[in-house]
Amino acid sequence: MRIAQEEVFGPVLAVIPFKDEEEAIAIGNDVVFGLAAGVWTQDIRRALTLADRIQAGTVWINTYRAVSYMSPFGGYKRSGIGRENGQEAIREFMQTKSVWISTASEVPNPFVMR
């Protein structure tokens, strides 16, 4: 269905029946997008398993559209590149470098691993 294959930004709820967890995960991941997903369950084990296996940048459990500037936001697949907010967003503007400094008064042998 078109409603299940596109990113719909609006007050829309699509309900698709499924037999078990495996089928629900397969249905949920069988899209080219992966911005966010919602899971409603009373079983915390099931909630964490689904959150791990669903290919989406955000998975809400028993809630929806909860956001924070401290939490990374961004999607999987064609739902964007990179992350907004949180430390993840800052890392995109950084490049790691190692700098080693010796304060020894004598120059040590440069061919010996330290």
PDB file of N, CA and C in Angstrom:
ATOM      1  N   MET A   1       0.830  -1.180   0.000  1.00  0.00           N
ATOM      2  CA  MET A   1       0.000   0.000   0.000  1.00  0.00           C
ATOM      3  C   MET A   1       0.876   1.245   0.000  1.00  0.00           C
ATOM      4  N   ARG A   2       0.435   2.258  -0.702  1.00  0.00           N
ATOM      5  CA  ARG A   2       1.179   3.514  -0.780  1.00  0.00           C
ATOM      6  C   ARG A   2       1.375   4.130   0.603  1.00  0.00           C
ATOM      7  N   ILE A   3       0.364   4.088   1.436  1.00  0.00           N
ATOM      8  CA  ILE A   3       0.437   4.679   2.772  1.00  0.00           C
ATOM      9  C   ILE A   3       1.547   4.043   3.612  1.00  0.00           C
ATOM     10  N   ALA A   4       1.860   2.777   3.326  1.00  0.00           N
ATOM     11  CA  ALA A   4       2.878   2.061   4.094  1.00  0.00           C
ATOM     12  C   ALA A   4       4.271   2.187   3.478  1.00  0.00           C
ATOM     13  N   GLN A   5       4.384   2.813   2.305  1.00  0.00           N
ATOM     14  CA  GLN A   5       5.670   2.911   1.628  1.00  0.00           C
ATOM     15  C   GLN A   5       6.232   4.324   1.578  1.00  0.00           C
ATOM     16  N   GLU A   6       5.468   5.316   1.982  1.00  0.00           N
ATOM     17  CA  GLU A   6       5.918   6.702   1.904  1.00  0.00           C
ATOM     18  C   GLU A   6       5.964   7.328   3.294  1.00  0.00           C
ATOM     19  N   GLU A   7       6.784   8.367   3.422  1.00  0.00           N
ATOM     20  CA  GLU A   7       6.822   9.124   4.674  1.00  0.00           C
ATOM     21  C   GLU A   7       5.660  10.104   4.659  1.00  0.00           C
ATOM     22  N   VAL A   8       4.681   9.832   5.475  1.00  0.00           N
ATOM     23  CA  VAL A   8       3.501  10.682   5.534  1.00  0.00           C
ATOM     24  C   VAL A   8       3.654  11.612   6.733  1.00  0.00           C
ATOM     25  N   PHE A   9       3.718  12.900   6.479  1.00  0.00           N
ATOM     26  CA  PHE A   9       3.866  13.862   7.559  1.00  0.00           C
ATOM     27  C   PHE A   9       2.504  14.501   7.795  1.00  0.00           C
ATOM     28  N   GLY A  10       1.796  13.995   8.746  1.00  0.00           N
ATOM     29  CA  GLY A  10       0.471  14.515   9.036  1.00  0.00           C
ATOM     30  C   GLY A  10      -0.215  13.626  10.043  1.00  0.00           C
ATOM     31  N   PRO A  11      -1.391  13.999  10.444  1.00  0.00           N
ATOM     32  CA  PRO A  11      -2.140  13.182  11.418  1.00  0.00           C
ATOM     33  C   PRO A  11      -2.782  11.982  10.723  1.00  0.00           C
ATOM     34  N   VAL A  12      -1.967  10.945  10.499  1.00  0.00           N
ATOM     35  CA  VAL A  12      -2.429   9.753   9.791  1.00  0.00           C
ATOM     36  C   VAL A  12      -2.039   8.521  10.598  1.00  0.00           C
ATOM     37  N   LEU A  13      -2.939   7.574  10.684  1.00  0.00           N
ATOM     38  CA  LEU A  13      -2.646   6.305  11.335  1.00  0.00           C
ATOM     39  C   LEU A  13      -2.953   5.193  10.348  1.00  0.00           C
ATOM     40  N   ALA A  14      -1.939   4.410  10.027  1.00  0.00           N
ATOM     41  CA  ALA A  14      -2.127   3.244   9.158  1.00  0.00           C
ATOM     42  C   ALA A  14      -2.072   2.002  10.039  1.00  0.00           C
ATOM     43  N   VAL A  15      -3.078   1.162   9.945  1.00  0.00           N
ATOM     44  CA  VAL A  15      -3.133  -0.068  10.740  1.00  0.00           C
ATOM     45  C   VAL A  15      -3.009  -1.249   9.790  1.00  0.00           C
ATOM     46  N   ILE A  16      -1.970  -2.066  10.007  1.00  0.00           N
ATOM     47  CA  ILE A  16      -1.722  -3.236   9.168  1.00  0.00           C
ATOM     48  C   ILE A  16      -1.665  -4.451  10.083  1.00  0.00           C
ATOM     49  N   PRO A  17      -2.551  -5.411   9.883  1.00  0.00           N
ATOM     50  CA  PRO A  17      -2.542  -6.607  10.743  1.00  0.00           C
ATOM     51  C   PRO A  17      -1.310  -7.477  10.488  1.00  0.00           C
ATOM     52  N   PHE A  18      -0.883  -8.203  11.523  1.00  0.00           N
ATOM     53  CA  PHE A  18       0.254  -9.114  11.399  1.00  0.00           C
ATOM     54  C   PHE A  18       0.007 -10.323  12.289  1.00  0.00           C
ATOM     55  N   LYS A  19       0.683 -11.446  11.988  1.00  0.00           N
ATOM     56  CA  LYS A  19       0.492 -12.700  12.726  1.00  0.00           C
ATOM     57  C   LYS A  19       1.348 -12.778  13.981  1.00  0.00           C
ATOM     58  N   ASP A  20       2.616 -12.359  13.868  1.00  0.00           N
ATOM     59  CA  ASP A  20       3.545 -12.472  14.992  1.00  0.00           C
ATOM     60  C   ASP A  20       4.617 -11.382  14.886  1.00  0.00           C
ATOM     61  N   GLU A  21       5.543 -11.382  15.833  1.00  0.00           N
ATOM     62  CA  GLU A  21       6.595 -10.366  15.859  1.00  0.00           C
ATOM     63  C   GLU A  21       7.426 -10.363  14.588  1.00  0.00           C
ATOM     64  N   GLU A  22       7.778 -11.536  14.117  1.00  0.00           N
ATOM     65  CA  GLU A  22       8.607 -11.641  12.913  1.00  0.00           C
ATOM     66  C   GLU A  22       7.940 -10.965  11.725  1.00  0.00           C
ATOM     67  N   GLU A  23       6.656 -11.203  11.555  1.00  0.00           N
ATOM     68  CA  GLU A  23       5.948 -10.582  10.439  1.00  0.00           C
ATOM     69  C   GLU A  23       5.836  -9.064  10.650  1.00  0.00           C
ATOM     70  N   ALA A  24       5.610  -8.630  11.875  1.00  0.00           N
ATOM     71  CA  ALA A  24       5.519  -7.195  12.153  1.00  0.00           C
ATOM     72  C   ALA A  24       6.835  -6.500  11.823  1.00  0.00           C
ATOM     73  N   ILE A  25       7.946  -7.107  12.195  1.00  0.00           N
ATOM     74  CA  ILE A  25       9.269  -6.547  11.893  1.00  0.00           C
ATOM     75  C   ILE A  25       9.502  -6.530  10.387  1.00  0.00           C
ATOM     76  N   ALA A  26       9.148  -7.612   9.712  1.00  0.00           N
ATOM     77  CA  ALA A  26       9.318  -7.678   8.255  1.00  0.00           C
ATOM     78  C   ALA A  26       8.502  -6.594   7.558  1.00  0.00           C
ATOM     79  N   ILE A  27       7.272  -6.403   7.978  1.00  0.00           N
ATOM     80  CA  ILE A  27       6.420  -5.358   7.396  1.00  0.00           C
ATOM     81  C   ILE A  27       7.019  -3.979   7.672  1.00  0.00           C
ATOM     82  N   GLY A  28       7.411  -3.758   8.908  1.00  0.00           N
ATOM     83  CA  GLY A  28       7.955  -2.460   9.288  1.00  0.00           C
ATOM     84  C   GLY A  28       9.255  -2.106   8.579  1.00  0.00           C
ATOM     85  N   ASN A  29      10.082  -3.107   8.304  1.00  0.00           N
ATOM     86  CA  ASN A  29      11.379  -2.858   7.671  1.00  0.00           C
ATOM     87  C   ASN A  29      11.322  -2.909   6.147  1.00  0.00           C
ATOM     88  N   ASP A  30      10.202  -3.326   5.591  1.00  0.00           N
ATOM     89  CA  ASP A  30      10.072  -3.465   4.135  1.00  0.00           C
ATOM     90  C   ASP A  30       9.683  -2.138   3.476  1.00  0.00           C
ATOM     91  N   VAL A  31      10.437  -1.104   3.776  1.00  0.00           N
ATOM     92  CA  VAL A  31      10.224   0.219   3.204  1.00  0.00           C
ATOM     93  C   VAL A  31      11.592   0.832   2.909  1.00  0.00           C
ATOM     94  N   VAL A  32      11.624   1.846   2.060  1.00  0.00           N
ATOM     95  CA  VAL A  32      12.891   2.504   1.741  1.00  0.00           C
ATOM     96  C   VAL A  32      13.193   3.641   2.718  1.00  0.00           C
ATOM     97  N   PHE A  33      12.255   3.923   3.618  1.00  0.00           N
ATOM     98  CA  PHE A  33      12.446   4.979   4.604  1.00  0.00           C
ATOM     99  C   PHE A  33      12.613   4.387   5.996  1.00  0.00           C
ATOM    100  N   GLY A  34      13.022   5.200   6.940  1.00  0.00           N
ATOM    101  CA  GLY A  34      13.183   4.727   8.310  1.00  0.00           C
ATOM    102  C   GLY A  34      13.404   5.877   9.277  1.00  0.00           C
ATOM    103  N   LEU A  35      12.517   6.857   9.242  1.00  0.00           N
ATOM    104  CA  LEU A  35      12.682   8.002  10.131  1.00  0.00           C
ATOM    105  C   LEU A  35      12.323   7.643  11.571  1.00  0.00           C
ATOM    106  N   ALA A  36      11.117   7.118  11.772  1.00  0.00           N
ATOM    107  CA  ALA A  36      10.679   6.819  13.136  1.00  0.00           C
ATOM    108  C   ALA A  36       9.636   5.707  13.118  1.00  0.00           C
ATOM    109  N   ALA A  37       9.457   5.097  14.286  1.00  0.00           N
ATOM    110  CA  ALA A  37       8.481   4.017  14.437  1.00  0.00           C
ATOM    111  C   ALA A  37       7.897   4.079  15.839  1.00  0.00           C
ATOM    112  N   GLY A  38       6.721   3.532  15.993  1.00  0.00           N
ATOM    113  CA  GLY A  38       6.084   3.465  17.301  1.00  0.00           C
ATOM    114  C   GLY A  38       5.669   2.042  17.617  1.00  0.00           C
ATOM    115  N   VAL A  39       5.876   1.644  18.868  1.00  0.00           N
ATOM    116  CA  VAL A  39       5.521   0.300  19.336  1.00  0.00           C
ATOM    117  C   VAL A  39       4.690   0.453  20.601  1.00  0.00           C
ATOM    118  N   TRP A  40       3.561  -0.229  20.637  1.00  0.00           N
ATOM    119  CA  TRP A  40       2.733  -0.244  21.841  1.00  0.00           C
ATOM    120  C   TRP A  40       2.678  -1.671  22.348  1.00  0.00           C
ATOM    121  N   THR A  41       3.118  -1.864  23.592  1.00  0.00           N
ATOM    122  CA  THR A  41       3.115  -3.193  24.207  1.00  0.00           C
ATOM    123  C   THR A  41       3.261  -3.050  25.718  1.00  0.00           C
ATOM    124  N   GLN A  42       2.811  -4.056  26.448  1.00  0.00           N
ATOM    125  CA  GLN A  42       3.021  -4.091  27.894  1.00  0.00           C
ATOM    126  C   GLN A  42       4.240  -4.934  28.256  1.00  0.00           C
ATOM    127  N   ASP A  43       4.829  -5.597  27.268  1.00  0.00           N
ATOM    128  CA  ASP A  43       5.957  -6.509  27.474  1.00  0.00           C
ATOM    129  C   ASP A  43       7.271  -5.771  27.183  1.00  0.00           C
ATOM    130  N   ILE A  44       8.045  -5.448  28.208  1.00  0.00           N
ATOM    131  CA  ILE A  44       9.275  -4.684  28.036  1.00  0.00           C
ATOM    132  C   ILE A  44      10.298  -5.459  27.207  1.00  0.00           C
ATOM    133  N   ARG A  45      10.348  -6.782  27.344  1.00  0.00           N
ATOM    134  CA  ARG A  45      11.258  -7.584  26.529  1.00  0.00           C
ATOM    135  C   ARG A  45      10.911  -7.422  25.059  1.00  0.00           C
ATOM    136  N   ARG A  46       9.639  -7.522  24.740  1.00  0.00           N
ATOM    137  CA  ARG A  46       9.188  -7.356  23.357  1.00  0.00           C
ATOM    138  C   ARG A  46       9.511  -5.943  22.869  1.00  0.00           C
ATOM    139  N   ALA A  47       9.279  -4.949  23.695  1.00  0.00           N
ATOM    140  CA  ALA A  47       9.539  -3.564  23.315  1.00  0.00           C
ATOM    141  C   ALA A  47      11.009  -3.362  22.955  1.00  0.00           C
ATOM    142  N   LEU A  48      11.913  -3.862  23.785  1.00  0.00           N
ATOM    143  CA  LEU A  48      13.343  -3.691  23.529  1.00  0.00           C
ATOM    144  C   LEU A  48      13.804  -4.492  22.317  1.00  0.00           C
ATOM    145  N   THR A  49      13.261  -5.687  22.146  1.00  0.00           N
ATOM    146  CA  THR A  49      13.592  -6.505  20.978  1.00  0.00           C
ATOM    147  C   THR A  49      13.156  -5.800  19.698  1.00  0.00           C
ATOM    148  N   LEU A  50      11.934  -5.297  19.676  1.00  0.00           N
ATOM    149  CA  LEU A  50      11.436  -4.594  18.495  1.00  0.00           C
ATOM    150  C   LEU A  50      12.230  -3.321  18.235  1.00  0.00           C
ATOM    151  N   ALA A  51      12.525  -2.568  19.274  1.00  0.00           N
ATOM    152  CA  ALA A  51      13.297  -1.337  19.110  1.00  0.00           C
ATOM    153  C   ALA A  51      14.662  -1.627  18.489  1.00  0.00           C
ATOM    154  N   ASP A  52      15.264  -2.733  18.868  1.00  0.00           N
ATOM    155  CA  ASP A  52      16.565  -3.119  18.331  1.00  0.00           C
ATOM    156  C   ASP A  52      16.460  -3.544  16.864  1.00  0.00           C
ATOM    157  N   ARG A  53      15.411  -4.231  16.501  1.00  0.00           N
ATOM    158  CA  ARG A  53      15.301  -4.824  15.164  1.00  0.00           C
ATOM    159  C   ARG A  53      14.618  -3.936  14.133  1.00  0.00           C
ATOM    160  N   ILE A  54      13.880  -2.940  14.563  1.00  0.00           N
ATOM    161  CA  ILE A  54      13.223  -2.043  13.620  1.00  0.00           C
ATOM    162  C   ILE A  54      14.261  -1.072  13.056  1.00  0.00           C
ATOM    163  N   GLN A  55      14.289  -0.943  11.747  1.00  0.00           N
ATOM    164  CA  GLN A  55      15.264  -0.086  11.073  1.00  0.00           C
ATOM    165  C   GLN A  55      14.729   1.337  10.973  1.00  0.00           C
ATOM    166  N   ALA A  56      14.826   2.056  12.081  1.00  0.00           N
ATOM    167  CA  ALA A  56      14.371   3.442  12.142  1.00  0.00           C
ATOM    168  C   ALA A  56      15.283   4.212  13.091  1.00  0.00           C
ATOM    169  N   GLY A  57      15.456   5.493  12.813  1.00  0.00           N
ATOM    170  CA  GLY A  57      16.337   6.318  13.638  1.00  0.00           C
ATOM    171  C   GLY A  57      15.795   6.584  15.023  1.00  0.00           C
ATOM    172  N   THR A  58      14.482   6.593  15.169  1.00  0.00           N
ATOM    173  CA  THR A  58      13.830   6.768  16.462  1.00  0.00           C
ATOM    174  C   THR A  58      12.745   5.714  16.599  1.00  0.00           C
ATOM    175  N   VAL A  59      12.688   5.076  17.753  1.00  0.00           N
ATOM    176  CA  VAL A  59      11.598   4.141  18.044  1.00  0.00           C
ATOM    177  C   VAL A  59      10.976   4.594  19.362  1.00  0.00           C
ATOM    178  N   TRP A  60       9.707   4.971  19.293  1.00  0.00           N
ATOM    179  CA  TRP A  60       8.968   5.360  20.492  1.00  0.00           C
ATOM    180  C   TRP A  60       8.226   4.144  21.014  1.00  0.00           C
ATOM    181  N   ILE A  61       8.272   3.923  22.322  1.00  0.00           N
ATOM    182  CA  ILE A  61       7.583   2.796  22.945  1.00  0.00           C
ATOM    183  C   ILE A  61       6.503   3.354  23.867  1.00  0.00           C
ATOM    184  N   ASN A  62       5.271   2.992  23.576  1.00  0.00           N
ATOM    185  CA  ASN A  62       4.100   3.427  24.347  1.00  0.00           C
ATOM    186  C   ASN A  62       3.970   4.949  24.419  1.00  0.00           C
ATOM    187  N   THR A  63       4.498   5.623  23.442  1.00  0.00           N
ATOM    188  CA  THR A  63       4.379   7.077  23.300  1.00  0.00           C
ATOM    189  C   THR A  63       4.670   7.403  21.855  1.00  0.00           C
ATOM    190  N   TYR A  64       4.541   8.668  21.501  1.00  0.00           N
ATOM    191  CA  TYR A  64       4.848   9.059  20.128  1.00  0.00           C
ATOM    192  C   TYR A  64       5.206  10.531  20.092  1.00  0.00           C
ATOM    193  N   ARG A  65       6.167  10.891  19.277  1.00  0.00           N
ATOM    194  CA  ARG A  65       6.630  12.252  19.045  1.00  0.00           C
ATOM    195  C   ARG A  65       7.257  12.898  20.281  1.00  0.00           C
ATOM    196  N   ALA A  66       7.783  12.108  21.184  1.00  0.00           N
ATOM    197  CA  ALA A  66       8.559  12.654  22.299  1.00  0.00           C
ATOM    198  C   ALA A  66       9.934  13.007  21.746  1.00  0.00           C
ATOM    199  N   VAL A  67      10.406  14.244  21.970  1.00  0.00           N
ATOM    200  CA  VAL A  67      11.691  14.680  21.430  1.00  0.00           C
ATOM    201  C   VAL A  67      12.455  15.484  22.476  1.00  0.00           C
ATOM    202  N   SER A  68      13.757  15.573  22.279  1.00  0.00           N
ATOM    203  CA  SER A  68      14.614  16.384  23.134  1.00  0.00           C
ATOM    204  C   SER A  68      15.806  16.835  22.308  1.00  0.00           C
ATOM    205  N   TYR A  69      16.274  18.050  22.536  1.00  0.00           N
ATOM    206  CA  TYR A  69      17.456  18.519  21.816  1.00  0.00           C
ATOM    207  C   TYR A  69      18.701  17.733  22.231  1.00  0.00           C
ATOM    208  N   MET A  70      18.638  16.988  23.324  1.00  0.00           N
ATOM    209  CA  MET A  70      19.765  16.174  23.781  1.00  0.00           C
ATOM    210  C   MET A  70      19.796  14.799  23.129  1.00  0.00           C
ATOM    211  N   SER A  71      18.719  14.428  22.470  1.00  0.00           N
ATOM    212  CA  SER A  71      18.621  13.109  21.862  1.00  0.00           C
ATOM    213  C   SER A  71      18.840  13.205  20.357  1.00  0.00           C
ATOM    214  N   PRO A  72      19.735  12.390  19.795  1.00  0.00           N
ATOM    215  CA  PRO A  72      19.965  12.431  18.355  1.00  0.00           C
ATOM    216  C   PRO A  72      18.681  12.141  17.584  1.00  0.00           C
ATOM    217  N   PHE A  73      18.478  12.868  16.476  1.00  0.00           N
ATOM    218  CA  PHE A  73      17.300  12.663  15.647  1.00  0.00           C
ATOM    219  C   PHE A  73      17.730  12.564  14.195  1.00  0.00           C
ATOM    220  N   GLY A  74      17.290  11.528  13.528  1.00  0.00           N
ATOM    221  CA  GLY A  74      17.587  11.318  12.119  1.00  0.00           C
ATOM    222  C   GLY A  74      17.171   9.921  11.737  1.00  0.00           C
ATOM    223  N   GLY A  75      17.066   9.678  10.450  1.00  0.00           N
ATOM    224  CA  GLY A  75      16.524   8.410   9.994  1.00  0.00           C
ATOM    225  C   GLY A  75      17.528   7.445   9.410  1.00  0.00           C
ATOM    226  N   TYR A  76      17.028   6.284   9.081  1.00  0.00           N
ATOM    227  CA  TYR A  76      17.776   5.245   8.383  1.00  0.00           C
ATOM    228  C   TYR A  76      17.370   5.295   6.911  1.00  0.00           C
ATOM    229  N   LYS A  77      18.101   4.583   6.097  1.00  0.00           N
ATOM    230  CA  LYS A  77      17.801   4.418   4.673  1.00  0.00           C
ATOM    231  C   LYS A  77      17.629   5.772   3.993  1.00  0.00           C
ATOM    232  N   ARG A  78      16.523   5.994   3.281  1.00  0.00           N
ATOM    233  CA  ARG A  78      16.309   7.246   2.547  1.00  0.00           C
ATOM    234  C   ARG A  78      15.697   8.357   3.410  1.00  0.00           C
ATOM    235  N   SER A  79      15.689   8.153   4.692  1.00  0.00           N
ATOM    236  CA  SER A  79      15.127   9.166   5.593  1.00  0.00           C
ATOM    237  C   SER A  79      16.195  10.117   6.116  1.00  0.00           C
ATOM    238  N   GLY A  80      17.229  10.320   5.354  1.00  0.00           N
ATOM    239  CA  GLY A  80      18.218  11.309   5.743  1.00  0.00           C
ATOM    240  C   GLY A  80      19.577  10.732   6.022  1.00  0.00           C
ATOM    241  N   ILE A  81      20.524  11.644   6.088  1.00  0.00           N
ATOM    242  CA  ILE A  81      21.909  11.291   6.367  1.00  0.00           C
ATOM    243  C   ILE A  81      22.330  12.066   7.612  1.00  0.00           C
ATOM    244  N   GLY A  82      22.936  11.385   8.543  1.00  0.00           N
ATOM    245  CA  GLY A  82      23.431  12.058   9.738  1.00  0.00           C
ATOM    246  C   GLY A  82      22.366  12.223  10.806  1.00  0.00           C
ATOM    247  N   ARG A  83      22.726  12.955  11.820  1.00  0.00           N
ATOM    248  CA  ARG A  83      21.846  13.168  12.963  1.00  0.00           C
ATOM    249  C   ARG A  83      21.791  14.643  13.327  1.00  0.00           C
ATOM    250  N   GLU A  84      20.644  15.070  13.781  1.00  0.00           N
ATOM    251  CA  GLU A  84      20.467  16.399  14.355  1.00  0.00           C
ATOM    252  C   GLU A  84      20.383  16.206  15.869  1.00  0.00           C
ATOM    253  N   ASN A  85      20.805  17.201  16.604  1.00  0.00           N
ATOM    254  CA  ASN A  85      20.693  17.219  18.071  1.00  0.00           C
ATOM    255  C   ASN A  85      21.670  16.259  18.743  1.00  0.00           C
ATOM    256  N   GLY A  86      21.919  16.496  19.987  1.00  0.00           N
ATOM    257  CA  GLY A  86      22.756  15.635  20.812  1.00  0.00           C
ATOM    258  C   GLY A  86      24.217  15.599  20.373  1.00  0.00           C
ATOM    259  N   GLN A  87      24.990  14.773  21.023  1.00  0.00           N
ATOM    260  CA  GLN A  87      26.418  14.639  20.731  1.00  0.00           C
ATOM    261  C   GLN A  87      26.663  14.074  19.334  1.00  0.00           C
ATOM    262  N   GLU A  88      25.746  13.252  18.832  1.00  0.00           N
ATOM    263  CA  GLU A  88      25.903  12.686  17.491  1.00  0.00           C
ATOM    264  C   GLU A  88      26.002  13.786  16.441  1.00  0.00           C
ATOM    265  N   ALA A  89      25.224  14.841  16.571  1.00  0.00           N
ATOM    266  CA  ALA A  89      25.245  15.936  15.607  1.00  0.00           C
ATOM    267  C   ALA A  89      26.577  16.687  15.659  1.00  0.00           C
ATOM    268  N   ILE A  90      27.120  16.868  16.841  1.00  0.00           N
ATOM    269  CA  ILE A  90      28.388  17.578  16.992  1.00  0.00           C
ATOM    270  C   ILE A  90      29.524  16.800  16.355  1.00  0.00           C
ATOM    271  N   ARG A  91      29.498  15.476  16.452  1.00  0.00           N
ATOM    272  CA  ARG A  91      30.576  14.639  15.908  1.00  0.00           C
ATOM    273  C   ARG A  91      30.741  14.818  14.404  1.00  0.00           C
ATOM    274  N   GLU A  92      29.680  15.160  13.704  1.00  0.00           N
ATOM    275  CA  GLU A  92      29.774  15.351  12.250  1.00  0.00           C
ATOM    276  C   GLU A  92      30.630  16.555  11.887  1.00  0.00           C
ATOM    277  N   PHE A  93      30.837  17.469  12.824  1.00  0.00           N
ATOM    278  CA  PHE A  93      31.640  18.656  12.565  1.00  0.00           C
ATOM    279  C   PHE A  93      33.049  18.532  13.127  1.00  0.00           C
ATOM    280  N   MET A  94      33.388  17.359  13.622  1.00  0.00           N
ATOM    281  CA  MET A  94      34.683  17.160  14.259  1.00  0.00           C
ATOM    282  C   MET A  94      35.512  16.124  13.495  1.00  0.00           C
ATOM    283  N   GLN A  95      36.814  16.211  13.683  1.00  0.00           N
ATOM    284  CA  GLN A  95      37.715  15.204  13.141  1.00  0.00           C
ATOM    285  C   GLN A  95      38.701  14.855  14.249  1.00  0.00           C
ATOM    286  N   THR A  96      38.871  13.581  14.511  1.00  0.00           N
ATOM    287  CA  THR A  96      39.726  13.135  15.601  1.00  0.00           C
ATOM    288  C   THR A  96      41.191  13.171  15.206  1.00  0.00           C
ATOM    289  N   LYS A  97      42.020  13.585  16.143  1.00  0.00           N
ATOM    290  CA  LYS A  97      43.463  13.622  15.912  1.00  0.00           C
ATOM    291  C   LYS A  97      44.165  13.212  17.201  1.00  0.00           C
ATOM    292  N   SER A  98      45.274  12.483  17.070  1.00  0.00           N
ATOM    293  CA  SER A  98      46.100  12.130  18.226  1.00  0.00           C
ATOM    294  C   SER A  98      47.353  12.989  18.211  1.00  0.00           C
ATOM    295  N   VAL A  99      47.706  13.551  19.358  1.00  0.00           N
ATOM    296  CA  VAL A  99      48.929  14.335  19.500  1.00  0.00           C
ATOM    297  C   VAL A  99      49.680  13.796  20.708  1.00  0.00           C
ATOM    298  N   TRP A 100      50.939  13.411  20.494  1.00  0.00           N
ATOM    299  CA  TRP A 100      51.765  12.876  21.568  1.00  0.00           C
ATOM    300  C   TRP A 100      52.869  13.880  21.876  1.00  0.00           C
ATOM    301  N   ILE A 101      53.070  14.173  23.141  1.00  0.00           N
ATOM    302  CA  ILE A 101      54.084  15.148  23.556  1.00  0.00           C
ATOM    303  C   ILE A 101      54.971  14.509  24.618  1.00  0.00           C
ATOM    304  N   SER A 102      56.258  14.646  24.411  1.00  0.00           N
ATOM    305  CA  SER A 102      57.215  14.183  25.418  1.00  0.00           C
ATOM    306  C   SER A 102      57.782  15.402  26.125  1.00  0.00           C
ATOM    307  N   THR A 103      57.843  15.336  27.427  1.00  0.00           N
ATOM    308  CA  THR A 103      58.433  16.426  28.216  1.00  0.00           C
ATOM    309  C   THR A 103      59.800  16.024  28.766  1.00  0.00           C
ATOM    310  N   ALA A 104      60.336  14.911  28.238  1.00  0.00           N
ATOM    311  CA  ALA A 104      61.648  14.442  28.697  1.00  0.00           C
ATOM    312  C   ALA A 104      62.722  15.453  28.318  1.00  0.00           C
ATOM    313  N   SER A 105      63.743  15.594  29.165  1.00  0.00           N
ATOM    314  CA  SER A 105      64.819  16.537  28.885  1.00  0.00           C
ATOM    315  C   SER A 105      65.758  16.007  27.804  1.00  0.00           C
ATOM    316  N   GLU A 106      65.836  14.691  27.650  1.00  0.00           N
ATOM    317  CA  GLU A 106      66.664  14.081  26.605  1.00  0.00           C
ATOM    318  C   GLU A 106      65.746  13.512  25.523  1.00  0.00           C
ATOM    319  N   VAL A 107      66.202  13.546  24.291  1.00  0.00           N
ATOM    320  CA  VAL A 107      65.420  13.010  23.177  1.00  0.00           C
ATOM    321  C   VAL A 107      65.522  11.489  23.232  1.00  0.00           C
ATOM    322  N   PRO A 108      64.402  10.800  23.409  1.00  0.00           N
ATOM    323  CA  PRO A 108      64.446   9.341  23.470  1.00  0.00           C
ATOM    324  C   PRO A 108      64.644   8.754  22.080  1.00  0.00           C
ATOM    325  N   ASN A 109      65.035   7.484  22.061  1.00  0.00           N
ATOM    326  CA  ASN A 109      65.230   6.767  20.789  1.00  0.00           C
ATOM    327  C   ASN A 109      63.876   6.714  20.063  1.00  0.00           C
ATOM    328  N   PRO A 110      63.760   7.322  18.873  1.00  0.00           N
ATOM    329  CA  PRO A 110      62.469   7.356  18.186  1.00  0.00           C
ATOM    330  C   PRO A 110      62.036   6.021  17.599  1.00  0.00           C
ATOM    331  N   PHE A 111      62.942   5.011  17.616  1.00  0.00           N
ATOM    332  CA  PHE A 111      62.619   3.724  17.019  1.00  0.00           C
ATOM    333  C   PHE A 111      62.140   2.693  18.061  1.00  0.00           C
ATOM    334  N   VAL A 112      61.981   3.122  19.307  1.00  0.00           N
ATOM    335  CA  VAL A 112      61.509   2.236  20.381  1.00  0.00           C
ATOM    336  C   VAL A 112      60.034   2.556  20.640  1.00  0.00           C
ATOM    337  N   MET A 113      59.179   1.537  20.605  1.00  0.00           N
ATOM    338  CA  MET A 113      57.743   1.736  20.896  1.00  0.00           C
ATOM    339  C   MET A 113      57.579   2.083  22.365  1.00  0.00           C
ATOM    340  N   ARG A 114      56.735   2.996  22.653  1.00  0.00           N
ATOM    341  CA  ARG A 114      56.475   3.407  24.027  1.00  0.00           C
ATOM    342  C   ARG A 114      55.091   3.026  24.433  1.00  0.00           C
TER     343      ARG A 114
END
